[in-house]
PDB file of N, CA and C in Angstrom:
ATOM      1  N   MET A   1       0.717  12.179  -7.026  1.00  0.00           N
ATOM      2  CA  MET A   1      -0.116  11.252  -5.902  1.00  0.00           C
ATOM      3  C   MET A   1      -1.318  12.227  -5.736  1.00  0.00           C
ATOM      4  N   ASP A   2      -2.456  11.199  -5.641  1.00  0.00           N
ATOM      5  CA  ASP A   2      -3.770  11.718  -5.498  1.00  0.00           C
ATOM      6  C   ASP A   2      -3.658  12.050  -3.802  1.00  0.00           C
ATOM      7  N   ALA A   3      -4.509  12.916  -3.670  1.00  0.00           N
ATOM      8  CA  ALA A   3      -4.913  13.081  -1.890  1.00  0.00           C
ATOM      9  C   ALA A   3      -5.992  12.300  -1.594  1.00  0.00           C
ATOM     10  N   THR A   4      -6.031  11.916  -0.410  1.00  0.00           N
ATOM     11  CA  THR A   4      -7.147  11.285   0.169  1.00  0.00           C
ATOM     12  C   THR A   4      -7.332  11.933   1.484  1.00  0.00           C
ATOM     13  N   LEU A   5      -8.803  12.117   1.825  1.00  0.00           N
ATOM     14  CA  LEU A   5      -9.049  12.880   3.080  1.00  0.00           C
ATOM     15  C   LEU A   5     -10.595  12.165   3.311  1.00  0.00           C
ATOM     16  N   TYR A   6     -10.716  11.537   4.488  1.00  0.00           N
ATOM     17  CA  TYR A   6     -11.752  10.952   4.904  1.00  0.00           C
ATOM     18  C   TYR A   6     -12.257  11.297   6.207  1.00  0.00           C
ATOM     19  N   ASP A   7     -13.535  11.453   6.647  1.00  0.00           N
ATOM     20  CA  ASP A   7     -14.246  11.843   7.884  1.00  0.00           C
ATOM     21  C   ASP A   7     -14.377  10.481   8.484  1.00  0.00           C
ATOM     22  N   MET A   8     -13.493  10.002   9.244  1.00  0.00           N
ATOM     23  CA  MET A   8     -13.317   8.757   9.955  1.00  0.00           C
ATOM     24  C   MET A   8     -14.576   8.597  11.068  1.00  0.00           C
ATOM     25  N   GLU A   9     -15.368   9.663  11.406  1.00  0.00           N
ATOM     26  CA  GLU A   9     -16.358   9.462  12.361  1.00  0.00           C
ATOM     27  C   GLU A   9     -17.747   9.297  11.623  1.00  0.00           C
ATOM     28  N   THR A  10     -17.944   9.764  10.376  1.00  0.00           N
ATOM     29  CA  THR A  10     -19.236   9.584   9.505  1.00  0.00           C
ATOM     30  C   THR A  10     -18.927   8.449   8.427  1.00  0.00           C
ATOM     31  N   ASP A  11     -17.699   8.233   8.094  1.00  0.00           N
ATOM     32  CA  ASP A  11     -17.206   7.673   6.814  1.00  0.00           C
ATOM     33  C   ASP A  11     -16.192   6.417   7.103  1.00  0.00           C
ATOM     34  N   ILE A  12     -16.667   5.594   8.036  1.00  0.00           N
ATOM     35  CA  ILE A  12     -15.373   4.642   8.590  1.00  0.00           C
ATOM     36  C   ILE A  12     -15.171   3.687   7.596  1.00  0.00           C
ATOM     37  N   TRP A  13     -15.619   3.536   6.430  1.00  0.00           N
ATOM     38  CA  TRP A  13     -15.321   2.471   5.522  1.00  0.00           C
ATOM     39  C   TRP A  13     -14.463   3.231   4.253  1.00  0.00           C
ATOM     40  N   GLU A  14     -14.601   4.591   4.503  1.00  0.00           N
ATOM     41  CA  GLU A  14     -13.632   5.537   3.775  1.00  0.00           C
ATOM     42  C   GLU A  14     -14.066   5.203   2.205  1.00  0.00           C
ATOM     43  N   MET A  15     -15.503   5.756   2.100  1.00  0.00           N
ATOM     44  CA  MET A  15     -15.923   5.468   0.649  1.00  0.00           C
ATOM     45  C   MET A  15     -16.186   6.784   0.041  1.00  0.00           C
ATOM     46  N   ASN A  16     -16.137   7.933   0.720  1.00  0.00           N
ATOM     47  CA  ASN A  16     -16.254   9.236   0.374  1.00  0.00           C
ATOM     48  C   ASN A  16     -15.175   9.996   0.474  1.00  0.00           C
ATOM     49  N   ASN A  17     -14.055  10.334  -0.700  1.00  0.00           N
ATOM     50  CA  ASN A  17     -12.823  10.838  -0.609  1.00  0.00           C
ATOM     51  C   ASN A  17     -13.100  12.471  -0.630  1.00  0.00           C
ATOM     52  N   LEU A  18     -13.172  13.139   0.625  1.00  0.00           N
ATOM     53  CA  LEU A  18     -13.404  14.465   0.826  1.00  0.00           C
ATOM     54  C   LEU A  18     -12.405  15.531  -0.106  1.00  0.00           C
ATOM     55  N   ALA A  19     -11.302  14.854  -0.199  1.00  0.00           N
ATOM     56  CA  ALA A  19     -10.117  15.672  -0.985  1.00  0.00           C
ATOM     57  C   ALA A  19     -10.623  16.168  -2.303  1.00  0.00           C
ATOM     58  N   ARG A  20     -11.590  15.618  -2.965  1.00  0.00           N
ATOM     59  CA  ARG A  20     -12.072  15.901  -4.273  1.00  0.00           C
ATOM     60  C   ARG A  20     -13.148  16.931  -4.204  1.00  0.00           C
ATOM     61  N   ASP A  21     -13.447  17.330  -2.901  1.00  0.00           N
ATOM     62  CA  ASP A  21     -14.482  18.241  -2.709  1.00  0.00           C
ATOM     63  C   ASP A  21     -13.718  19.702  -2.484  1.00  0.00           C
ATOM     64  N   PRO A  22     -14.166  20.745  -3.160  1.00  0.00           N
ATOM     65  CA  PRO A  22     -13.435  22.007  -3.358  1.00  0.00           C
ATOM     66  C   PRO A  22     -13.863  22.534  -1.774  1.00  0.00           C
ATOM     67  N   ALA A  23     -14.739  22.197  -0.892  1.00  0.00           N
ATOM     68  CA  ALA A  23     -14.977  22.849   0.252  1.00  0.00           C
ATOM     69  C   ALA A  23     -13.924  22.464   1.267  1.00  0.00           C
ATOM     70  N   TYR A  24     -13.176  21.313   0.902  1.00  0.00           N
ATOM     71  CA  TYR A  24     -11.813  20.861   1.782  1.00  0.00           C
ATOM     72  C   TYR A  24     -10.674  21.015   1.242  1.00  0.00           C
ATOM     73  N   GLN A  25     -10.543  22.078  -0.020  1.00  0.00           N
ATOM     74  CA  GLN A  25      -9.140  22.115  -0.640  1.00  0.00           C
ATOM     75  C   GLN A  25      -8.236  22.791   0.579  1.00  0.00           C
ATOM     76  N   ALA A  26      -8.732  23.715   1.539  1.00  0.00           N
ATOM     77  CA  ALA A  26      -7.824  24.369   2.278  1.00  0.00           C
ATOM     78  C   ALA A  26      -7.155  23.425   3.129  1.00  0.00           C
ATOM     79  N   VAL A  27      -8.014  22.245   3.785  1.00  0.00           N
ATOM     80  CA  VAL A  27      -7.646  21.190   4.550  1.00  0.00           C
ATOM     81  C   VAL A  27      -6.584  20.303   3.822  1.00  0.00           C
ATOM     82  N   VAL A  28      -6.785  20.009   2.532  1.00  0.00           N
ATOM     83  CA  VAL A  28      -5.970  19.355   1.914  1.00  0.00           C
ATOM     84  C   VAL A  28      -4.518  20.071   1.775  1.00  0.00           C
ATOM     85  N   ASP A  29      -4.785  21.177   1.382  1.00  0.00           N
ATOM     86  CA  ASP A  29      -3.479  21.819   1.316  1.00  0.00           C
ATOM     87  C   ASP A  29      -2.524  22.088   2.606  1.00  0.00           C
ATOM     88  N   GLU A  30      -3.284  22.303   3.696  1.00  0.00           N
ATOM     89  CA  GLU A  30      -2.587  22.369   4.859  1.00  0.00           C
ATOM     90  C   GLU A  30      -1.857  21.104   5.130  1.00  0.00           C
ATOM     91  N   LEU A  31      -2.499  19.990   4.864  1.00  0.00           N
ATOM     92  CA  LEU A  31      -1.977  18.628   5.280  1.00  0.00           C
ATOM     93  C   LEU A  31      -1.004  18.264   4.323  1.00  0.00           C
ATOM     94  N   LYS A  32      -0.913  18.655   2.968  1.00  0.00           N
ATOM     95  CA  LYS A  32       0.151  18.509   2.111  1.00  0.00           C
ATOM     96  C   LYS A  32       1.366  19.342   2.349  1.00  0.00           C
ATOM     97  N   GLU A  33       1.197  20.477   2.918  1.00  0.00           N
ATOM     98  CA  GLU A  33       2.151  21.369   3.407  1.00  0.00           C
ATOM     99  C   GLU A  33       2.780  20.705   4.722  1.00  0.00           C
ATOM    100  N   ALA A  34       2.045  20.201   5.597  1.00  0.00           N
ATOM    101  CA  ALA A  34       2.729  19.593   6.855  1.00  0.00           C
ATOM    102  C   ALA A  34       3.624  18.436   6.489  1.00  0.00           C
ATOM    103  N   VAL A  35       3.177  17.746   5.509  1.00  0.00           N
ATOM    104  CA  VAL A  35       3.760  16.493   5.222  1.00  0.00           C
ATOM    105  C   VAL A  35       5.051  16.838   4.639  1.00  0.00           C
ATOM    106  N   LEU A  36       5.201  17.940   3.428  1.00  0.00           N
ATOM    107  CA  LEU A  36       6.119  18.171   3.034  1.00  0.00           C
ATOM    108  C   LEU A  36       7.164  18.777   3.860  1.00  0.00           C
ATOM    109  N   LYS A  37       6.879  19.506   4.909  1.00  0.00           N
ATOM    110  CA  LYS A  37       7.618  20.119   5.955  1.00  0.00           C
ATOM    111  C   LYS A  37       8.381  18.932   6.802  1.00  0.00           C
ATOM    112  N   HIS A  38       7.693  17.762   7.232  1.00  0.00           N
ATOM    113  CA  HIS A  38       8.019  16.683   7.830  1.00  0.00           C
ATOM    114  C   HIS A  38       9.150  15.993   7.115  1.00  0.00           C
ATOM    115  N   TYR A  39       8.930  15.939   5.644  1.00  0.00           N
ATOM    116  CA  TYR A  39       9.742  15.119   4.747  1.00  0.00           C
ATOM    117  C   TYR A  39      11.291  16.020   5.005  1.00  0.00           C
ATOM    118  N   ALA A  40      10.904  17.320   4.872  1.00  0.00           N
ATOM    119  CA  ALA A  40      12.245  18.230   4.820  1.00  0.00           C
ATOM    120  C   ALA A  40      13.090  18.162   6.085  1.00  0.00           C
ATOM    121  N   ARG A  41      12.334  17.912   7.332  1.00  0.00           N
ATOM    122  CA  ARG A  41      13.065  17.918   8.539  1.00  0.00           C
ATOM    123  C   ARG A  41      13.760  16.391   8.606  1.00  0.00           C
ATOM    124  N   GLN A  42      13.218  15.248   8.210  1.00  0.00           N
ATOM    125  CA  GLN A  42      13.491  13.892   8.105  1.00  0.00           C
ATOM    126  C   GLN A  42      14.885  13.906   7.206  1.00  0.00           C
ATOM    127  N   GLU A  43      15.034  14.756   6.270  1.00  0.00           N
ATOM    128  CA  GLU A  43      16.261  14.453   5.243  1.00  0.00           C
ATOM    129  C   GLU A  43      17.222  14.857   6.028  1.00  0.00           C
ATOM    130  N   GLU A  44      17.466  15.631   7.371  1.00  0.00           N
ATOM    131  CA  GLU A  44      18.657  16.234   8.027  1.00  0.00           C
ATOM    132  C   GLU A  44      19.126  15.000   8.672  1.00  0.00           C
ATOM    133  N   PHE A  45      18.311  13.952   8.996  1.00  0.00           N
ATOM    134  CA  PHE A  45      18.774  12.646   9.787  1.00  0.00           C
ATOM    135  C   PHE A  45      19.209  11.603   8.699  1.00  0.00           C
ATOM    136  N   LEU A  46      19.324  11.724   7.634  1.00  0.00           N
ATOM    137  CA  LEU A  46      19.872  10.838   6.599  1.00  0.00           C
ATOM    138  C   LEU A  46      21.199  10.918   6.747  1.00  0.00           C
ATOM    139  N   PRO A  47      21.992   9.723   6.580  1.00  0.00           N
ATOM    140  CA  PRO A  47      23.489   9.858   6.417  1.00  0.00           C
ATOM    141  C   PRO A  47      23.942  10.571   5.102  1.00  0.00           C
ATOM    142  N   ALA A  48      25.082  10.974   5.107  1.00  0.00           N
ATOM    143  CA  ALA A  48      25.628  11.519   3.907  1.00  0.00           C
ATOM    144  C   ALA A  48      25.769  10.354   2.958  1.00  0.00           C
ATOM    145  N   GLU A  49      26.162   9.219   3.249  1.00  0.00           N
ATOM    146  CA  GLU A  49      26.338   7.908   2.506  1.00  0.00           C
ATOM    147  C   GLU A  49      25.554   6.768   3.158  1.00  0.00           C
ATOM    148  N   MET A  50      24.799   6.241   2.365  1.00  0.00           N
ATOM    149  CA  MET A  50      24.040   5.108   2.938  1.00  0.00           C
ATOM    150  C   MET A  50      24.922   3.853   3.241  1.00  0.00           C
ATOM    151  N   PRO A  51      24.810   3.104   4.162  1.00  0.00           N
ATOM    152  CA  PRO A  51      25.685   2.123   4.653  1.00  0.00           C
ATOM    153  C   PRO A  51      25.534   0.804   3.533  1.00  0.00           C
ATOM    154  N   ARG A  52      26.432  -0.022   3.347  1.00  0.00           N
ATOM    155  CA  ARG A  52      26.208  -1.091   2.138  1.00  0.00           C
ATOM    156  C   ARG A  52      25.251  -2.097   2.959  1.00  0.00           C
ATOM    157  N   VAL A  53      24.287  -2.737   2.131  1.00  0.00           N
ATOM    158  CA  VAL A  53      23.630  -3.561   2.530  1.00  0.00           C
ATOM    159  C   VAL A  53      24.301  -4.989   2.563  1.00  0.00           C
ATOM    160  N   VAL A  54      23.987  -5.934   3.643  1.00  0.00           N
ATOM    161  CA  VAL A  54      24.655  -7.366   3.669  1.00  0.00           C
ATOM    162  C   VAL A  54      24.035  -7.966   2.740  1.00  0.00           C
ATOM    163  N   PRO A  55      24.767  -8.747   1.958  1.00  0.00           N
ATOM    164  CA  PRO A  55      23.951  -9.702   0.744  1.00  0.00           C
ATOM    165  C   PRO A  55      23.562 -10.981   1.648  1.00  0.00           C
ATOM    166  N   ARG A  56      22.421 -11.295   1.012  1.00  0.00           N
ATOM    167  CA  ARG A  56      21.872 -12.741   1.666  1.00  0.00           C
ATOM    168  C   ARG A  56      22.605 -13.730   1.714  1.00  0.00           C
ATOM    169  N   SER A  57      23.586 -13.759   0.765  1.00  0.00           N
ATOM    170  CA  SER A  57      24.704 -14.965   1.012  1.00  0.00           C
ATOM    171  C   SER A  57      25.479 -15.020   2.124  1.00  0.00           C
ATOM    172  N   THR A  58      25.523 -13.958   2.863  1.00  0.00           N
ATOM    173  CA  THR A  58      26.407 -13.900   4.044  1.00  0.00           C
ATOM    174  C   THR A  58      25.581 -14.190   5.430  1.00  0.00           C
ATOM    175  N   TRP A  59      24.201 -14.329   5.254  1.00  0.00           N
ATOM    176  CA  TRP A  59      23.411 -14.509   6.142  1.00  0.00           C
ATOM    177  C   TRP A  59      23.753 -15.952   6.795  1.00  0.00           C
ATOM    178  N   ASP A  60      23.747 -16.205   8.088  1.00  0.00           N
ATOM    179  CA  ASP A  60      24.099 -17.578   8.706  1.00  0.00           C
ATOM    180  C   ASP A  60      22.702 -18.295   8.888  1.00  0.00           C
ATOM    181  N   ILE A  61      21.978 -18.708   8.125  1.00  0.00           N
ATOM    182  CA  ILE A  61      20.826 -19.099   8.293  1.00  0.00           C
ATOM    183  C   ILE A  61      20.685 -20.596   7.412  1.00  0.00           C
ATOM    184  N   SER A  62      20.446 -21.505   8.337  1.00  0.00           N
ATOM    185  CA  SER A  62      20.232 -22.872   7.782  1.00  0.00           C
ATOM    186  C   SER A  62      18.914 -23.147   7.306  1.00  0.00           C
ATOM    187  N   PHE A  63      18.359 -23.469   6.086  1.00  0.00           N
ATOM    188  CA  PHE A  63      17.033 -23.871   5.839  1.00  0.00           C
ATOM    189  C   PHE A  63      17.215 -25.284   5.370  1.00  0.00           C
ATOM    190  N   PRO A  64      16.027 -26.084   5.528  1.00  0.00           N
ATOM    191  CA  PRO A  64      14.930 -25.603   6.043  1.00  0.00           C
ATOM    192  C   PRO A  64      15.073 -25.180   7.633  1.00  0.00           C
ATOM    193  N   PHE A  65      14.263 -24.434   8.293  1.00  0.00           N
ATOM    194  CA  PHE A  65      14.400 -24.385   9.716  1.00  0.00           C
ATOM    195  C   PHE A  65      12.944 -24.292  10.073  1.00  0.00           C
ATOM    196  N   LYS A  66      12.626 -24.527  11.375  1.00  0.00           N
ATOM    197  CA  LYS A  66      11.409 -24.703  11.968  1.00  0.00           C
ATOM    198  C   LYS A  66      11.278 -23.400  12.976  1.00  0.00           C
ATOM    199  N   PRO A  67      10.600 -22.298  12.428  1.00  0.00           N
ATOM    200  CA  PRO A  67      10.362 -21.017  13.170  1.00  0.00           C
ATOM    201  C   PRO A  67      10.061 -21.183  14.733  1.00  0.00           C
ATOM    202  N   TRP A  68       9.124 -22.427  14.926  1.00  0.00           N
ATOM    203  CA  TRP A  68       8.559 -22.314  16.256  1.00  0.00           C
ATOM    204  C   TRP A  68       9.602 -23.298  17.095  1.00  0.00           C
ATOM    205  N   GLU A  69      10.747 -23.572  16.590  1.00  0.00           N
ATOM    206  CA  GLU A  69      11.719 -24.305  17.491  1.00  0.00           C
ATOM    207  C   GLU A  69      12.578 -23.043  17.803  1.00  0.00           C
ATOM    208  N   LYS A  70      13.282 -23.334  18.957  1.00  0.00           N
ATOM    209  CA  LYS A  70      14.199 -22.196  19.557  1.00  0.00           C
ATOM    210  C   LYS A  70      15.526 -22.461  18.867  1.00  0.00           C
ATOM    211  N   THR A  71      15.889 -21.469  18.443  1.00  0.00           N
ATOM    212  CA  THR A  71      17.458 -21.222  17.851  1.00  0.00           C
ATOM    213  C   THR A  71      18.388 -21.505  19.028  1.00  0.00           C
ATOM    214  N   GLU A  72      19.687 -21.738  18.653  1.00  0.00           N
ATOM    215  CA  GLU A  72      20.763 -21.544  19.736  1.00  0.00           C
ATOM    216  C   GLU A  72      20.754 -20.656  20.625  1.00  0.00           C
ATOM    217  N   VAL A  73      20.581 -19.423  19.927  1.00  0.00           N
ATOM    218  CA  VAL A  73      20.617 -18.147  20.760  1.00  0.00           C
ATOM    219  C   VAL A  73      19.494 -18.076  21.748  1.00  0.00           C
ATOM    220  N   LEU A  74      18.292 -18.422  21.578  1.00  0.00           N
ATOM    221  CA  LEU A  74      17.002 -18.426  22.205  1.00  0.00           C
ATOM    222  C   LEU A  74      17.128 -19.705  23.248  1.00  0.00           C
ATOM    223  N   GLN A  75      17.867 -20.647  22.940  1.00  0.00           N
ATOM    224  CA  GLN A  75      17.883 -21.766  23.956  1.00  0.00           C
ATOM    225  C   GLN A  75      18.695 -21.491  25.017  1.00  0.00           C
ATOM    226  N   GLU A  76      19.503 -20.429  24.886  1.00  0.00           N
ATOM    227  CA  GLU A  76      20.425 -19.715  26.013  1.00  0.00           C
ATOM    228  C   GLU A  76      19.607 -19.058  26.884  1.00  0.00           C
ATOM    229  N   LEU A  77      18.606 -18.618  26.556  1.00  0.00           N
ATOM    230  CA  LEU A  77      17.801 -17.772  27.437  1.00  0.00           C
ATOM    231  C   LEU A  77      16.980 -18.365  28.407  1.00  0.00           C
TER     232      LEU A  77
END
């Protein structure tokens, strides 16, 4: 994955990728390390086994439906 780093005050259109500039290498390295630490912390919150996904065939949705019309649940509100 290529790194990207932009100066959002002077380069709002993100035309000049500063990650390629050797002068910003320390900043890029610091940000990469912070992202990797964040990913490592998030792994602690993942379940040991991922729950099964409900297949679409079991969804109770009648097509065609009109999203702008209230469903039975919303009509009760």
